[in-house]
Amino acid sequence: MNCVKLLGQGLMARDFDRQVAELQVRIAVLNRYTALGIPVTEPVG
């Protein structure tokens, strides 16, 4: 939850559907950062 707050303390949108979309975008960004941090291992030989 702390990482979500780093992207902005509160929701900018007032409409509920837009708030949901805003959260989905934030989650997608966090998932992308997580994916970048996972090492890719390949077999050698």
PDB file of N, CA and C in Angstrom:
ATOM      1  N   MET A   1       0.826  -1.190   0.000  1.00  0.00           N
ATOM      2  CA  MET A   1       0.000   0.000   0.000  1.00  0.00           C
ATOM      3  C   MET A   1       0.866   1.248   0.000  1.00  0.00           C
ATOM      4  N   ASN A   2       2.025   1.162   0.619  1.00  0.00           N
ATOM      5  CA  ASN A   2       2.919   2.310   0.641  1.00  0.00           C
ATOM      6  C   ASN A   2       3.377   2.675  -0.763  1.00  0.00           C
ATOM      7  N   CYS A   3       3.618   1.682  -1.606  1.00  0.00           N
ATOM      8  CA  CYS A   3       4.046   1.953  -2.980  1.00  0.00           C
ATOM      9  C   CYS A   3       2.948   2.637  -3.777  1.00  0.00           C
ATOM     10  N   VAL A   4       1.704   2.278  -3.521  1.00  0.00           N
ATOM     11  CA  VAL A   4       0.590   2.925  -4.222  1.00  0.00           C
ATOM     12  C   VAL A   4       0.527   4.383  -3.821  1.00  0.00           C
ATOM     13  N   LYS A   5       0.781   4.680  -2.551  1.00  0.00           N
ATOM     14  CA  LYS A   5       0.744   6.067  -2.086  1.00  0.00           C
ATOM     15  C   LYS A   5       1.866   6.887  -2.690  1.00  0.00           C
ATOM     16  N   LEU A   6       2.977   6.248  -3.062  1.00  0.00           N
ATOM     17  CA  LEU A   6       4.064   6.979  -3.689  1.00  0.00           C
ATOM     18  C   LEU A   6       3.659   7.528  -5.055  1.00  0.00           C
ATOM     19  N   LEU A   7       2.693   6.892  -5.684  1.00  0.00           N
ATOM     20  CA  LEU A   7       2.220   7.359  -6.982  1.00  0.00           C
ATOM     21  C   LEU A   7       1.206   8.486  -6.839  1.00  0.00           C
ATOM     22  N   GLY A   8       0.875   8.855  -5.647  1.00  0.00           N
ATOM     23  CA  GLY A   8      -0.085   9.924  -5.380  1.00  0.00           C
ATOM     24  C   GLY A   8      -0.848   9.601  -4.117  1.00  0.00           C
ATOM     25  N   GLN A   9      -1.000  10.575  -3.242  1.00  0.00           N
ATOM     26  CA  GLN A   9      -1.636  10.323  -1.954  1.00  0.00           C
ATOM     27  C   GLN A   9      -3.108   9.962  -2.111  1.00  0.00           C
ATOM     28  N   GLY A  10      -3.821  10.676  -2.949  1.00  0.00           N
ATOM     29  CA  GLY A  10      -5.251  10.420  -3.097  1.00  0.00           C
ATOM     30  C   GLY A  10      -5.624  10.220  -4.554  1.00  0.00           C
ATOM     31  N   LEU A  11      -6.865   9.891  -4.765  1.00  0.00           N
ATOM     32  CA  LEU A  11      -7.346   9.715  -6.127  1.00  0.00           C
ATOM     33  C   LEU A  11      -7.733  11.077  -6.696  1.00  0.00           C
ATOM     34  N   MET A  12      -7.380  11.303  -7.937  1.00  0.00           N
ATOM     35  CA  MET A  12      -7.697  12.576  -8.570  1.00  0.00           C
ATOM     36  C   MET A  12      -9.130  12.591  -9.100  1.00  0.00           C
ATOM     37  N   ALA A  13      -9.601  11.446  -9.573  1.00  0.00           N
ATOM     38  CA  ALA A  13     -10.922  11.365 -10.186  1.00  0.00           C
ATOM     39  C   ALA A  13     -12.008  11.404  -9.115  1.00  0.00           C
ATOM     40  N   ARG A  14     -13.137  11.983  -9.461  1.00  0.00           N
ATOM     41  CA  ARG A  14     -14.260  12.054  -8.523  1.00  0.00           C
ATOM     42  C   ARG A  14     -15.291  10.958  -8.784  1.00  0.00           C
ATOM     43  N   ASP A  15     -15.438  10.577 -10.035  1.00  0.00           N
ATOM     44  CA  ASP A  15     -16.407   9.544 -10.402  1.00  0.00           C
ATOM     45  C   ASP A  15     -15.844   8.172 -10.015  1.00  0.00           C
ATOM     46  N   PHE A  16     -16.704   7.285  -9.505  1.00  0.00           N
ATOM     47  CA  PHE A  16     -16.251   5.979  -9.029  1.00  0.00           C
ATOM     48  C   PHE A  16     -15.603   5.165 -10.139  1.00  0.00           C
ATOM     49  N   ASP A  17     -16.218   5.136 -11.327  1.00  0.00           N
ATOM     50  CA  ASP A  17     -15.660   4.350 -12.436  1.00  0.00           C
ATOM     51  C   ASP A  17     -14.276   4.863 -12.829  1.00  0.00           C
ATOM     52  N   ARG A  18     -14.097   6.166 -12.783  1.00  0.00           N
ATOM     53  CA  ARG A  18     -12.783   6.725 -13.121  1.00  0.00           C
ATOM     54  C   ARG A  18     -11.774   6.447 -12.026  1.00  0.00           C
ATOM     55  N   GLN A  19     -12.227   6.399 -10.770  1.00  0.00           N
ATOM     56  CA  GLN A  19     -11.328   6.022  -9.681  1.00  0.00           C
ATOM     57  C   GLN A  19     -10.836   4.590  -9.857  1.00  0.00           C
ATOM     58  N   VAL A  20     -11.748   3.711 -10.274  1.00  0.00           N
ATOM     59  CA  VAL A  20     -11.367   2.317 -10.520  1.00  0.00           C
ATOM     60  C   VAL A  20     -10.329   2.247 -11.629  1.00  0.00           C
ATOM     61  N   ALA A  21     -10.541   3.000 -12.701  1.00  0.00           N
ATOM     62  CA  ALA A  21      -9.594   3.007 -13.813  1.00  0.00           C
ATOM     63  C   ALA A  21      -8.242   3.562 -13.363  1.00  0.00           C
ATOM     64  N   GLU A  22      -8.275   4.585 -12.527  1.00  0.00           N
ATOM     65  CA  GLU A  22      -7.033   5.176 -12.035  1.00  0.00           C
ATOM     66  C   GLU A  22      -6.250   4.172 -11.193  1.00  0.00           C
ATOM     67  N   LEU A  23      -6.932   3.434 -10.350  1.00  0.00           N
ATOM     68  CA  LEU A  23      -6.261   2.413  -9.549  1.00  0.00           C
ATOM     69  C   LEU A  23      -5.700   1.297 -10.422  1.00  0.00           C
ATOM     70  N   GLN A  24      -6.420   0.926 -11.466  1.00  0.00           N
ATOM     71  CA  GLN A  24      -5.935  -0.119 -12.363  1.00  0.00           C
ATOM     72  C   GLN A  24      -4.653   0.318 -13.067  1.00  0.00           C
ATOM     73  N   VAL A  25      -4.583   1.592 -13.426  1.00  0.00           N
ATOM     74  CA  VAL A  25      -3.362   2.100 -14.058  1.00  0.00           C
ATOM     75  C   VAL A  25      -2.209   2.072 -13.071  1.00  0.00           C
ATOM     76  N   ARG A  26      -2.467   2.487 -11.817  1.00  0.00           N
ATOM     77  CA  ARG A  26      -1.413   2.456 -10.802  1.00  0.00           C
ATOM     78  C   ARG A  26      -0.920   1.034 -10.572  1.00  0.00           C
ATOM     79  N   ILE A  27      -1.830   0.079 -10.514  1.00  0.00           N
ATOM     80  CA  ILE A  27      -1.450  -1.315 -10.303  1.00  0.00           C
ATOM     81  C   ILE A  27      -0.633  -1.831 -11.480  1.00  0.00           C
ATOM     82  N   ALA A  28      -1.008  -1.437 -12.699  1.00  0.00           N
ATOM     83  CA  ALA A  28      -0.256  -1.862 -13.878  1.00  0.00           C
ATOM     84  C   ALA A  28       1.172  -1.319 -13.832  1.00  0.00           C
ATOM     85  N   VAL A  29       1.323  -0.077 -13.380  1.00  0.00           N
ATOM     86  CA  VAL A  29       2.659   0.513 -13.272  1.00  0.00           C
ATOM     87  C   VAL A  29       3.486  -0.246 -12.234  1.00  0.00           C
ATOM     88  N   LEU A  30       2.886  -0.538 -11.081  1.00  0.00           N
ATOM     89  CA  LEU A  30       3.605  -1.276 -10.045  1.00  0.00           C
ATOM     90  C   LEU A  30       3.989  -2.675 -10.514  1.00  0.00           C
ATOM     91  N   ASN A  31       3.090  -3.334 -11.244  1.00  0.00           N
ATOM     92  CA  ASN A  31       3.392  -4.671 -11.765  1.00  0.00           C
ATOM     93  C   ASN A  31       4.545  -4.613 -12.756  1.00  0.00           C
ATOM     94  N   ARG A  32       4.610  -3.546 -13.542  1.00  0.00           N
ATOM     95  CA  ARG A  32       5.696  -3.400 -14.516  1.00  0.00           C
ATOM     96  C   ARG A  32       7.030  -3.212 -13.797  1.00  0.00           C
ATOM     97  N   TYR A  33       7.040  -2.380 -12.752  1.00  0.00           N
ATOM     98  CA  TYR A  33       8.260  -2.196 -11.977  1.00  0.00           C
ATOM     99  C   TYR A  33       8.691  -3.501 -11.320  1.00  0.00           C
ATOM    100  N   THR A  34       7.735  -4.265 -10.829  1.00  0.00           N
ATOM    101  CA  THR A  34       8.046  -5.553 -10.224  1.00  0.00           C
ATOM    102  C   THR A  34       8.641  -6.496 -11.258  1.00  0.00           C
ATOM    103  N   ALA A  35       8.052  -6.515 -12.458  1.00  0.00           N
ATOM    104  CA  ALA A  35       8.556  -7.388 -13.527  1.00  0.00           C
ATOM    105  C   ALA A  35       9.973  -7.000 -13.929  1.00  0.00           C
ATOM    106  N   LEU A  36      10.293  -5.717 -13.891  1.00  0.00           N
ATOM    107  CA  LEU A  36      11.644  -5.288 -14.245  1.00  0.00           C
ATOM    108  C   LEU A  36      12.667  -5.739 -13.207  1.00  0.00           C
ATOM    109  N   GLY A  37      12.216  -5.932 -11.967  1.00  0.00           N
ATOM    110  CA  GLY A  37      13.129  -6.322 -10.899  1.00  0.00           C
ATOM    111  C   GLY A  37      13.356  -7.818 -10.788  1.00  0.00           C
ATOM    112  N   ILE A  38      12.593  -8.617 -11.522  1.00  0.00           N
ATOM    113  CA  ILE A  38      12.732 -10.071 -11.449  1.00  0.00           C
ATOM    114  C   ILE A  38      13.801 -10.508 -12.440  1.00  0.00           C
ATOM    115  N   PRO A  39      14.832 -11.201 -11.975  1.00  0.00           N
ATOM    116  CA  PRO A  39      15.904 -11.617 -12.898  1.00  0.00           C
ATOM    117  C   PRO A  39      15.427 -12.718 -13.856  1.00  0.00           C
ATOM    118  N   VAL A  40      15.935 -12.679 -15.054  1.00  0.00           N
ATOM    119  CA  VAL A  40      15.631 -13.702 -16.053  1.00  0.00           C
ATOM    120  C   VAL A  40      16.788 -14.681 -16.066  1.00  0.00           C
ATOM    121  N   THR A  41      16.521 -15.921 -15.740  1.00  0.00           N
ATOM    122  CA  THR A  41      17.582 -16.928 -15.713  1.00  0.00           C
ATOM    123  C   THR A  41      17.506 -17.776 -16.966  1.00  0.00           C
ATOM    124  N   GLU A  42      18.679 -18.067 -17.508  1.00  0.00           N
ATOM    125  CA  GLU A  42      18.757 -18.902 -18.706  1.00  0.00           C
ATOM    126  C   GLU A  42      19.762 -20.005 -18.441  1.00  0.00           C
ATOM    127  N   PRO A  43      19.460 -21.218 -18.918  1.00  0.00           N
ATOM    128  CA  PRO A  43      20.406 -22.323 -18.729  1.00  0.00           C
ATOM    129  C   PRO A  43      21.688 -22.100 -19.542  1.00  0.00           C
ATOM    130  N   VAL A  44      22.796 -22.510 -18.980  1.00  0.00           N
ATOM    131  CA  VAL A  44      24.099 -22.348 -19.644  1.00  0.00           C
ATOM    132  C   VAL A  44      24.584 -23.733 -20.058  1.00  0.00           C
ATOM    133  N   GLY A  45      25.025 -23.806 -21.304  1.00  0.00           N
ATOM    134  CA  GLY A  45      25.629 -25.062 -21.726  1.00  0.00           C
ATOM    135  C   GLY A  45      24.840 -25.818 -22.645  1.00  0.00           C
TER     136      GLY A  45
END
